[in-house]
Amino acid sequence: MAYVIKLAIYSLIILSLTSISASAKELLVVTEEWKPYNFTNDKGEVVGRATKKVREVLVAAEVDYEIKVYPWVRAMKIAKERPNTMIYSIYRTAEREADYEWACPLIRPVGVYFFKLKTRKDIQVASLEDAKQYTSAVVKGNLYYDFLIQHGFAQGEHLVVAADSKSFYKLFFKGRIDLVMSTEYIMSEELKAAGLNYDEVVPLIEVTKATQQRGCMAFSKDTEPMLIERIRRALAKHNQEFVGP
């Protein structure tokens, strides 16, 4: 009887280890909800312009991967601390340079604007400095947040900071937030998803210094170098053959 029990326990251990091994992926890929580049569709699938390219590159590099979506700050933390982890679409800035290994570019630069409600005739912005007279909504840790902090905007004074953009659009439409920094396409898509009307907002100035960056893939420092190199080569080949998102 004891032998039978030991055999059963041993079989369960082997089965468990086999299951773990079979489900383990070579690379964990993390991202955020950021239409139209990376987002979860109605079927629960991670899709988008950048996601499509990431999948094509990883298939070409023969990488076994899994994509998971998190709030942006958490995604960056995971990508910094977990071995064999990649994050996208992330902008390569001086502040982030030493935190990751990089593969660029993934996406082309896009125009970024301050938006206001059309009804807010009291808001006049002709320069970045003018925007400091008002409150601007941004997602903590993203490119827009980093850019504004670098240019003297202060959280709690000039900036209303949220974990994701979904939480501030209704406040924006109620006039409790003055400005939102975004691209035209993303603003349109996110307002549509929130049941709000894009025709009620207007772009002000293009924040040109924030648009010169290109979104990238980035890897934790503990990611296997040969794995990173395979993906870099596949990305370079993809960029030569196709026009990126």
C-alpha atoms as a PDB file:
ATOM      1  CA  MET A   1       0.000   0.000   0.000  1.00  0.00           C
ATOM      2  CA  ALA A   2       2.785   2.407   0.953  1.00  0.00           C
ATOM      3  CA  TYR A   3       4.536   1.581  -2.323  1.00  0.00           C
ATOM      4  CA  VAL A   4       1.383   2.379  -4.301  1.00  0.00           C
ATOM      5  CA  ILE A   5       1.014   5.739  -2.517  1.00  0.00           C
ATOM      6  CA  LYS A   6       4.657   6.652  -3.131  1.00  0.00           C
ATOM      7  CA  LEU A   7       4.298   5.699  -6.793  1.00  0.00           C
ATOM      8  CA  ALA A   8       1.182   7.866  -7.098  1.00  0.00           C
ATOM      9  CA  ILE A   9       2.929  10.839  -5.474  1.00  0.00           C
ATOM     10  CA  TYR A  10       5.961  10.389  -7.734  1.00  0.00           C
ATOM     11  CA  SER A  11       3.690  10.257 -10.797  1.00  0.00           C
ATOM     12  CA  LEU A  12       1.959  13.497  -9.730  1.00  0.00           C
ATOM     13  CA  ILE A  13       5.320  15.249  -9.270  1.00  0.00           C
ATOM     14  CA  ILE A  14       6.492  14.161 -12.721  1.00  0.00           C
ATOM     15  CA  LEU A  15       3.171  15.214 -14.263  1.00  0.00           C
ATOM     16  CA  SER A  16       3.374  18.611 -12.537  1.00  0.00           C
ATOM     17  CA  LEU A  17       6.937  19.237 -13.677  1.00  0.00           C
ATOM     18  CA  THR A  18       6.059  18.188 -17.225  1.00  0.00           C
ATOM     19  CA  SER A  19       3.091  20.560 -17.211  1.00  0.00           C
ATOM     20  CA  ILE A  20       5.209  23.457 -15.966  1.00  0.00           C
ATOM     21  CA  SER A  21       7.850  22.762 -18.574  1.00  0.00           C
ATOM     22  CA  ALA A  22       5.266  22.536 -21.357  1.00  0.00           C
ATOM     23  CA  SER A  23       3.567  25.792 -20.353  1.00  0.00           C
ATOM     24  CA  ALA A  24       6.755  27.773 -19.832  1.00  0.00           C
ATOM     25  CA  LYS A  25       7.487  30.326 -22.537  1.00  0.00           C
ATOM     26  CA  GLU A  26      10.906  31.379 -23.745  1.00  0.00           C
ATOM     27  CA  LEU A  27       9.953  35.051 -23.437  1.00  0.00           C
ATOM     28  CA  LEU A  28       7.341  36.958 -21.424  1.00  0.00           C
ATOM     29  CA  VAL A  29       6.147  40.017 -23.368  1.00  0.00           C
ATOM     30  CA  VAL A  30       4.392  42.820 -21.479  1.00  0.00           C
ATOM     31  CA  THR A  31       2.574  45.888 -22.729  1.00  0.00           C
ATOM     32  CA  GLU A  32      -0.251  48.304 -21.867  1.00  0.00           C
ATOM     33  CA  GLU A  33      -3.630  49.268 -23.314  1.00  0.00           C
ATOM     34  CA  TRP A  34      -2.647  51.892 -25.910  1.00  0.00           C
ATOM     35  CA  LYS A  35      -4.830  52.045 -29.005  1.00  0.00           C
ATOM     36  CA  PRO A  36      -4.201  51.623 -31.876  1.00  0.00           C
ATOM     37  CA  TYR A  37      -0.771  50.123 -31.160  1.00  0.00           C
ATOM     38  CA  ASN A  38      -1.377  47.567 -28.394  1.00  0.00           C
ATOM     39  CA  PHE A  39      -4.743  46.747 -26.830  1.00  0.00           C
ATOM     40  CA  THR A  40      -7.115  43.928 -25.915  1.00  0.00           C
ATOM     41  CA  ASN A  41     -10.001  43.323 -28.323  1.00  0.00           C
ATOM     42  CA  ASP A  42     -13.523  42.094 -27.548  1.00  0.00           C
ATOM     43  CA  LYS A  43     -12.320  38.481 -27.736  1.00  0.00           C
ATOM     44  CA  GLY A  44      -9.641  39.047 -25.090  1.00  0.00           C
ATOM     45  CA  GLU A  45      -6.826  38.922 -27.668  1.00  0.00           C
ATOM     46  CA  VAL A  46      -3.894  41.356 -27.538  1.00  0.00           C
ATOM     47  CA  VAL A  47      -3.900  43.090 -30.913  1.00  0.00           C
ATOM     48  CA  GLY A  48      -2.976  46.436 -32.511  1.00  0.00           C
ATOM     49  CA  ARG A  49      -0.518  47.832 -35.047  1.00  0.00           C
ATOM     50  CA  ALA A  50       2.557  47.389 -32.874  1.00  0.00           C
ATOM     51  CA  THR A  51       1.362  44.017 -31.560  1.00  0.00           C
ATOM     52  CA  LYS A  52       1.000  42.684 -35.105  1.00  0.00           C
ATOM     53  CA  LYS A  53       4.593  43.664 -35.851  1.00  0.00           C
ATOM     54  CA  VAL A  54       5.854  42.239 -32.529  1.00  0.00           C
ATOM     55  CA  ARG A  55       4.201  38.906 -33.296  1.00  0.00           C
ATOM     56  CA  GLU A  56       5.673  38.821 -36.810  1.00  0.00           C
ATOM     57  CA  VAL A  57       9.157  39.634 -35.511  1.00  0.00           C
ATOM     58  CA  LEU A  58       9.017  37.015 -32.734  1.00  0.00           C
ATOM     59  CA  VAL A  59       7.786  34.344 -35.143  1.00  0.00           C
ATOM     60  CA  ALA A  60      10.618  35.223 -37.536  1.00  0.00           C
ATOM     61  CA  ALA A  61      13.072  34.995 -34.620  1.00  0.00           C
ATOM     62  CA  GLU A  62      11.559  31.586 -33.705  1.00  0.00           C
ATOM     63  CA  VAL A  63      10.764  32.737 -30.165  1.00  0.00           C
ATOM     64  CA  ASP A  64       8.164  31.010 -28.001  1.00  0.00           C
ATOM     65  CA  TYR A  65       6.395  33.881 -26.202  1.00  0.00           C
ATOM     66  CA  GLU A  66       3.358  34.998 -24.243  1.00  0.00           C
ATOM     67  CA  ILE A  67       1.930  38.557 -24.223  1.00  0.00           C
ATOM     68  CA  LYS A  68       0.312  39.993 -21.089  1.00  0.00           C
ATOM     69  CA  VAL A  69      -1.245  43.444 -20.606  1.00  0.00           C
ATOM     70  CA  TYR A  70      -0.683  45.491 -17.428  1.00  0.00           C
ATOM     71  CA  PRO A  71      -0.930  49.132 -16.319  1.00  0.00           C
ATOM     72  CA  TRP A  72       2.142  50.855 -17.760  1.00  0.00           C
ATOM     73  CA  VAL A  73       4.102  51.415 -14.542  1.00  0.00           C
ATOM     74  CA  ARG A  74       3.670  47.755 -13.561  1.00  0.00           C
ATOM     75  CA  ALA A  75       4.650  46.596 -17.057  1.00  0.00           C
ATOM     76  CA  MET A  76       7.884  48.608 -16.855  1.00  0.00           C
ATOM     77  CA  LYS A  77       8.659  47.228 -13.398  1.00  0.00           C
ATOM     78  CA  ILE A  78       8.147  43.641 -14.563  1.00  0.00           C
ATOM     79  CA  ALA A  79      10.304  44.248 -17.628  1.00  0.00           C
ATOM     80  CA  LYS A  80      13.084  45.665 -15.456  1.00  0.00           C
ATOM     81  CA  GLU A  81      13.079  42.946 -12.823  1.00  0.00           C
ATOM     82  CA  ARG A  82      12.037  39.664 -14.469  1.00  0.00           C
ATOM     83  CA  PRO A  83      14.579  37.687 -16.554  1.00  0.00           C
ATOM     84  CA  ASN A  84      13.720  36.957 -20.192  1.00  0.00           C
ATOM     85  CA  THR A  85      11.064  39.670 -20.381  1.00  0.00           C
ATOM     86  CA  MET A  86      10.348  42.147 -23.185  1.00  0.00           C
ATOM     87  CA  ILE A  87       8.197  45.297 -23.128  1.00  0.00           C
ATOM     88  CA  TYR A  88       6.665  47.274 -26.028  1.00  0.00           C
ATOM     89  CA  SER A  89       5.768  49.950 -27.270  1.00  0.00           C
ATOM     90  CA  ILE A  90       8.274  51.849 -25.121  1.00  0.00           C
ATOM     91  CA  TYR A  91      10.072  55.083 -26.007  1.00  0.00           C
ATOM     92  CA  ARG A  92      13.833  55.083 -25.630  1.00  0.00           C
ATOM     93  CA  THR A  93      14.658  58.055 -23.420  1.00  0.00           C
ATOM     94  CA  ALA A  94      17.832  59.070 -21.597  1.00  0.00           C
ATOM     95  CA  GLU A  95      16.167  58.251 -18.273  1.00  0.00           C
ATOM     96  CA  ARG A  96      15.285  54.709 -19.377  1.00  0.00           C
ATOM     97  CA  GLU A  97      18.440  53.941 -21.350  1.00  0.00           C
ATOM     98  CA  ALA A  98      20.300  52.069 -18.591  1.00  0.00           C
ATOM     99  CA  ASP A  99      17.253  50.135 -17.364  1.00  0.00           C
ATOM    100  CA  TYR A 100      16.841  47.897 -20.416  1.00  0.00           C
ATOM    101  CA  GLU A 101      18.443  46.338 -23.463  1.00  0.00           C
ATOM    102  CA  TRP A 102      16.919  47.895 -26.592  1.00  0.00           C
ATOM    103  CA  ALA A 103      15.677  46.873 -30.049  1.00  0.00           C
ATOM    104  CA  CYS A 104      14.554  49.831 -32.185  1.00  0.00           C
ATOM    105  CA  PRO A 105      12.545  51.114 -33.922  1.00  0.00           C
ATOM    106  CA  LEU A 106       9.232  49.337 -33.521  1.00  0.00           C
ATOM    107  CA  ILE A 107       6.877  52.202 -34.424  1.00  0.00           C
ATOM    108  CA  ARG A 108       7.353  55.506 -36.232  1.00  0.00           C
ATOM    109  CA  PRO A 109       7.134  58.899 -34.499  1.00  0.00           C
ATOM    110  CA  VAL A 110       3.577  60.181 -34.137  1.00  0.00           C
ATOM    111  CA  GLY A 111       2.308  63.725 -33.619  1.00  0.00           C
ATOM    112  CA  VAL A 112       1.403  64.500 -30.007  1.00  0.00           C
ATOM    113  CA  TYR A 113      -0.924  67.392 -29.123  1.00  0.00           C
ATOM    114  CA  PHE A 114      -2.569  69.123 -26.231  1.00  0.00           C
ATOM    115  CA  PHE A 115      -6.359  68.793 -26.626  1.00  0.00           C
ATOM    116  CA  LYS A 116      -9.081  70.928 -25.077  1.00  0.00           C
ATOM    117  CA  LEU A 117     -12.878  70.915 -25.253  1.00  0.00           C
ATOM    118  CA  LYS A 118     -14.190  73.148 -28.046  1.00  0.00           C
ATOM    119  CA  THR A 119     -16.414  74.857 -25.502  1.00  0.00           C
ATOM    120  CA  ARG A 120     -13.414  75.951 -23.387  1.00  0.00           C
ATOM    121  CA  LYS A 121     -12.875  79.344 -25.024  1.00  0.00           C
ATOM    122  CA  ASP A 122     -11.004  80.401 -21.884  1.00  0.00           C
ATOM    123  CA  ILE A 123      -8.090  78.059 -22.678  1.00  0.00           C
ATOM    124  CA  GLN A 124      -5.444  79.587 -24.938  1.00  0.00           C
ATOM    125  CA  VAL A 125      -2.208  77.637 -25.514  1.00  0.00           C
ATOM    126  CA  ALA A 126       0.379  78.782 -28.061  1.00  0.00           C
ATOM    127  CA  SER A 127       3.461  77.293 -26.391  1.00  0.00           C
ATOM    128  CA  LEU A 128       4.471  74.601 -23.940  1.00  0.00           C
ATOM    129  CA  GLU A 129       4.945  77.276 -21.268  1.00  0.00           C
ATOM    130  CA  ASP A 130       1.353  78.475 -21.791  1.00  0.00           C
ATOM    131  CA  ALA A 131       0.103  74.979 -20.901  1.00  0.00           C
ATOM    132  CA  LYS A 132       1.418  75.405 -17.349  1.00  0.00           C
ATOM    133  CA  GLN A 133      -1.491  77.750 -16.666  1.00  0.00           C
ATOM    134  CA  TYR A 134      -3.836  74.763 -16.868  1.00  0.00           C
ATOM    135  CA  THR A 135      -4.195  71.204 -15.577  1.00  0.00           C
ATOM    136  CA  SER A 136      -3.115  68.445 -17.971  1.00  0.00           C
ATOM    137  CA  ALA A 137      -4.034  64.764 -17.636  1.00  0.00           C
ATOM    138  CA  VAL A 138      -1.347  62.146 -18.270  1.00  0.00           C
ATOM    139  CA  VAL A 139      -0.681  58.473 -17.525  1.00  0.00           C
ATOM    140  CA  LYS A 140       2.032  57.964 -14.905  1.00  0.00           C
ATOM    141  CA  GLY A 141       5.322  56.769 -16.365  1.00  0.00           C
ATOM    142  CA  ASN A 142       4.441  57.104 -20.050  1.00  0.00           C
ATOM    143  CA  LEU A 143       6.260  59.263 -22.618  1.00  0.00           C
ATOM    144  CA  TYR A 144       3.961  62.253 -22.161  1.00  0.00           C
ATOM    145  CA  TYR A 145       4.387  62.192 -18.399  1.00  0.00           C
ATOM    146  CA  ASP A 146       8.187  62.003 -18.670  1.00  0.00           C
ATOM    147  CA  PHE A 147       8.261  64.786 -21.250  1.00  0.00           C
ATOM    148  CA  LEU A 148       6.159  67.191 -19.192  1.00  0.00           C
ATOM    149  CA  ILE A 149       8.069  66.490 -15.966  1.00  0.00           C
ATOM    150  CA  GLN A 150      11.332  67.215 -17.807  1.00  0.00           C
ATOM    151  CA  HIS A 151       9.886  70.546 -18.953  1.00  0.00           C
ATOM    152  CA  GLY A 152       8.921  71.788 -15.513  1.00  0.00           C
ATOM    153  CA  PHE A 153       5.380  70.488 -15.101  1.00  0.00           C
ATOM    154  CA  ALA A 154       4.693  69.359 -11.537  1.00  0.00           C
ATOM    155  CA  GLN A 155       2.423  66.551 -10.422  1.00  0.00           C
ATOM    156  CA  GLY A 156      -0.399  67.940  -8.305  1.00  0.00           C
ATOM    157  CA  GLU A 157       0.132  71.470  -9.633  1.00  0.00           C
ATOM    158  CA  HIS A 158       0.095  71.204 -13.432  1.00  0.00           C
ATOM    159  CA  LEU A 159      -0.524  67.488 -13.873  1.00  0.00           C
ATOM    160  CA  VAL A 160      -3.390  65.164 -13.016  1.00  0.00           C
ATOM    161  CA  VAL A 161      -1.780  61.718 -13.085  1.00  0.00           C
ATOM    162  CA  ALA A 162      -3.651  58.436 -13.532  1.00  0.00           C
ATOM    163  CA  ALA A 163      -2.742  54.756 -13.928  1.00  0.00           C
ATOM    164  CA  ASP A 164      -4.513  54.671 -17.305  1.00  0.00           C
ATOM    165  CA  SER A 165      -6.234  57.143 -19.601  1.00  0.00           C
ATOM    166  CA  LYS A 166      -9.734  55.696 -19.145  1.00  0.00           C
ATOM    167  CA  SER A 167     -10.057  57.309 -15.726  1.00  0.00           C
ATOM    168  CA  PHE A 168      -9.697  60.942 -16.778  1.00  0.00           C
ATOM    169  CA  TYR A 169     -11.777  61.472 -19.948  1.00  0.00           C
ATOM    170  CA  LYS A 170     -15.074  61.952 -18.151  1.00  0.00           C
ATOM    171  CA  LEU A 171     -13.427  64.471 -15.821  1.00  0.00           C
ATOM    172  CA  PHE A 172     -12.025  66.203 -18.913  1.00  0.00           C
ATOM    173  CA  PHE A 173     -15.495  66.431 -20.486  1.00  0.00           C
ATOM    174  CA  LYS A 174     -16.898  67.840 -17.237  1.00  0.00           C
ATOM    175  CA  GLY A 175     -14.275  70.614 -17.334  1.00  0.00           C
ATOM    176  CA  ARG A 176     -12.475  69.417 -14.208  1.00  0.00           C
ATOM    177  CA  ILE A 177      -9.315  68.793 -16.263  1.00  0.00           C
ATOM    178  CA  ASP A 178      -8.272  71.418 -18.810  1.00  0.00           C
ATOM    179  CA  LEU A 179      -5.968  69.577 -21.220  1.00  0.00           C
ATOM    180  CA  VAL A 180      -5.204  66.049 -22.369  1.00  0.00           C
ATOM    181  CA  MET A 181      -1.967  65.188 -24.159  1.00  0.00           C
ATOM    182  CA  SER A 182      -2.428  62.560 -26.867  1.00  0.00           C
ATOM    183  CA  THR A 183      -2.272  61.760 -30.583  1.00  0.00           C
ATOM    184  CA  GLU A 184      -5.259  62.465 -32.820  1.00  0.00           C
ATOM    185  CA  TYR A 185      -5.934  58.795 -33.559  1.00  0.00           C
ATOM    186  CA  ILE A 186      -5.561  57.609 -29.989  1.00  0.00           C
ATOM    187  CA  MET A 187      -7.748  60.437 -28.692  1.00  0.00           C
ATOM    188  CA  SER A 188     -10.439  59.517 -31.229  1.00  0.00           C
ATOM    189  CA  GLU A 189     -10.339  55.797 -30.377  1.00  0.00           C
ATOM    190  CA  GLU A 190     -10.279  56.253 -26.614  1.00  0.00           C
ATOM    191  CA  LEU A 191     -13.143  58.757 -26.628  1.00  0.00           C
ATOM    192  CA  LYS A 192     -15.175  56.368 -28.774  1.00  0.00           C
ATOM    193  CA  ALA A 193     -14.484  53.542 -26.310  1.00  0.00           C
ATOM    194  CA  ALA A 194     -15.588  55.824 -23.441  1.00  0.00           C
ATOM    195  CA  GLY A 195     -18.832  56.732 -25.239  1.00  0.00           C
ATOM    196  CA  LEU A 196     -17.656  60.321 -25.803  1.00  0.00           C
ATOM    197  CA  ASN A 197     -17.572  62.435 -28.962  1.00  0.00           C
ATOM    198  CA  TYR A 198     -14.249  63.325 -30.633  1.00  0.00           C
ATOM    199  CA  ASP A 199     -15.969  66.223 -32.434  1.00  0.00           C
ATOM    200  CA  GLU A 200     -16.226  68.005 -29.074  1.00  0.00           C
ATOM    201  CA  VAL A 201     -12.444  68.334 -28.678  1.00  0.00           C
ATOM    202  CA  VAL A 202      -9.836  70.289 -30.611  1.00  0.00           C
ATOM    203  CA  PRO A 203      -6.033  69.884 -30.833  1.00  0.00           C
ATOM    204  CA  LEU A 204      -3.998  72.907 -29.798  1.00  0.00           C
ATOM    205  CA  ILE A 205      -0.213  72.912 -30.277  1.00  0.00           C
ATOM    206  CA  GLU A 206       1.784  69.934 -31.495  1.00  0.00           C
ATOM    207  CA  VAL A 207       4.391  69.120 -28.868  1.00  0.00           C
ATOM    208  CA  THR A 208       7.114  68.496 -31.448  1.00  0.00           C
ATOM    209  CA  LYS A 209       9.892  67.537 -29.011  1.00  0.00           C
ATOM    210  CA  ALA A 210       7.839  64.585 -27.865  1.00  0.00           C
ATOM    211  CA  THR A 211       7.292  63.298 -31.399  1.00  0.00           C
ATOM    212  CA  GLN A 212      10.915  62.819 -32.454  1.00  0.00           C
ATOM    213  CA  GLN A 213      11.180  59.557 -30.513  1.00  0.00           C
ATOM    214  CA  ARG A 214      10.372  56.143 -31.940  1.00  0.00           C
ATOM    215  CA  GLY A 215       8.719  53.405 -29.968  1.00  0.00           C
ATOM    216  CA  CYS A 216      10.898  50.349 -29.340  1.00  0.00           C
ATOM    217  CA  MET A 217      11.083  46.897 -27.829  1.00  0.00           C
ATOM    218  CA  ALA A 218      13.095  46.678 -24.606  1.00  0.00           C
ATOM    219  CA  PHE A 219      14.364  43.742 -22.555  1.00  0.00           C
ATOM    220  CA  SER A 220      15.227  43.170 -18.927  1.00  0.00           C
ATOM    221  CA  LYS A 221      18.953  43.208 -18.240  1.00  0.00           C
ATOM    222  CA  ASP A 222      18.750  39.517 -17.266  1.00  0.00           C
ATOM    223  CA  THR A 223      17.358  38.446 -20.627  1.00  0.00           C
ATOM    224  CA  GLU A 224      19.551  35.933 -22.478  1.00  0.00           C
ATOM    225  CA  PRO A 225      21.850  37.895 -24.853  1.00  0.00           C
ATOM    226  CA  MET A 226      21.414  35.381 -27.684  1.00  0.00           C
ATOM    227  CA  LEU A 227      17.640  35.717 -27.401  1.00  0.00           C
ATOM    228  CA  ILE A 228      17.871  39.510 -27.660  1.00  0.00           C
ATOM    229  CA  GLU A 229      20.217  39.240 -30.646  1.00  0.00           C
ATOM    230  CA  ARG A 230      17.838  36.922 -32.511  1.00  0.00           C
ATOM    231  CA  ILE A 231      15.000  39.389 -32.007  1.00  0.00           C
ATOM    232  CA  ARG A 232      17.143  42.389 -32.996  1.00  0.00           C
ATOM    233  CA  ARG A 233      18.106  40.674 -36.254  1.00  0.00           C
ATOM    234  CA  ALA A 234      14.475  39.777 -36.988  1.00  0.00           C
ATOM    235  CA  LEU A 235      13.349  43.359 -36.246  1.00  0.00           C
ATOM    236  CA  ALA A 236      16.056  44.850 -38.496  1.00  0.00           C
ATOM    237  CA  LYS A 237      15.006  42.552 -41.346  1.00  0.00           C
ATOM    238  CA  HIS A 238      11.327  43.414 -40.813  1.00  0.00           C
ATOM    239  CA  ASN A 239      12.127  47.146 -40.911  1.00  0.00           C
ATOM    240  CA  GLN A 240      14.005  46.694 -44.197  1.00  0.00           C
ATOM    241  CA  GLU A 241      11.140  44.826 -45.836  1.00  0.00           C
ATOM    242  CA  PHE A 242       8.029  46.586 -44.498  1.00  0.00           C
ATOM    243  CA  VAL A 243       6.803  50.075 -43.605  1.00  0.00           C
ATOM    244  CA  GLY A 244       6.252  50.086 -39.843  1.00  0.00           C
ATOM    245  CA  PRO A 245       3.173  51.134 -37.897  1.00  0.00           C
END
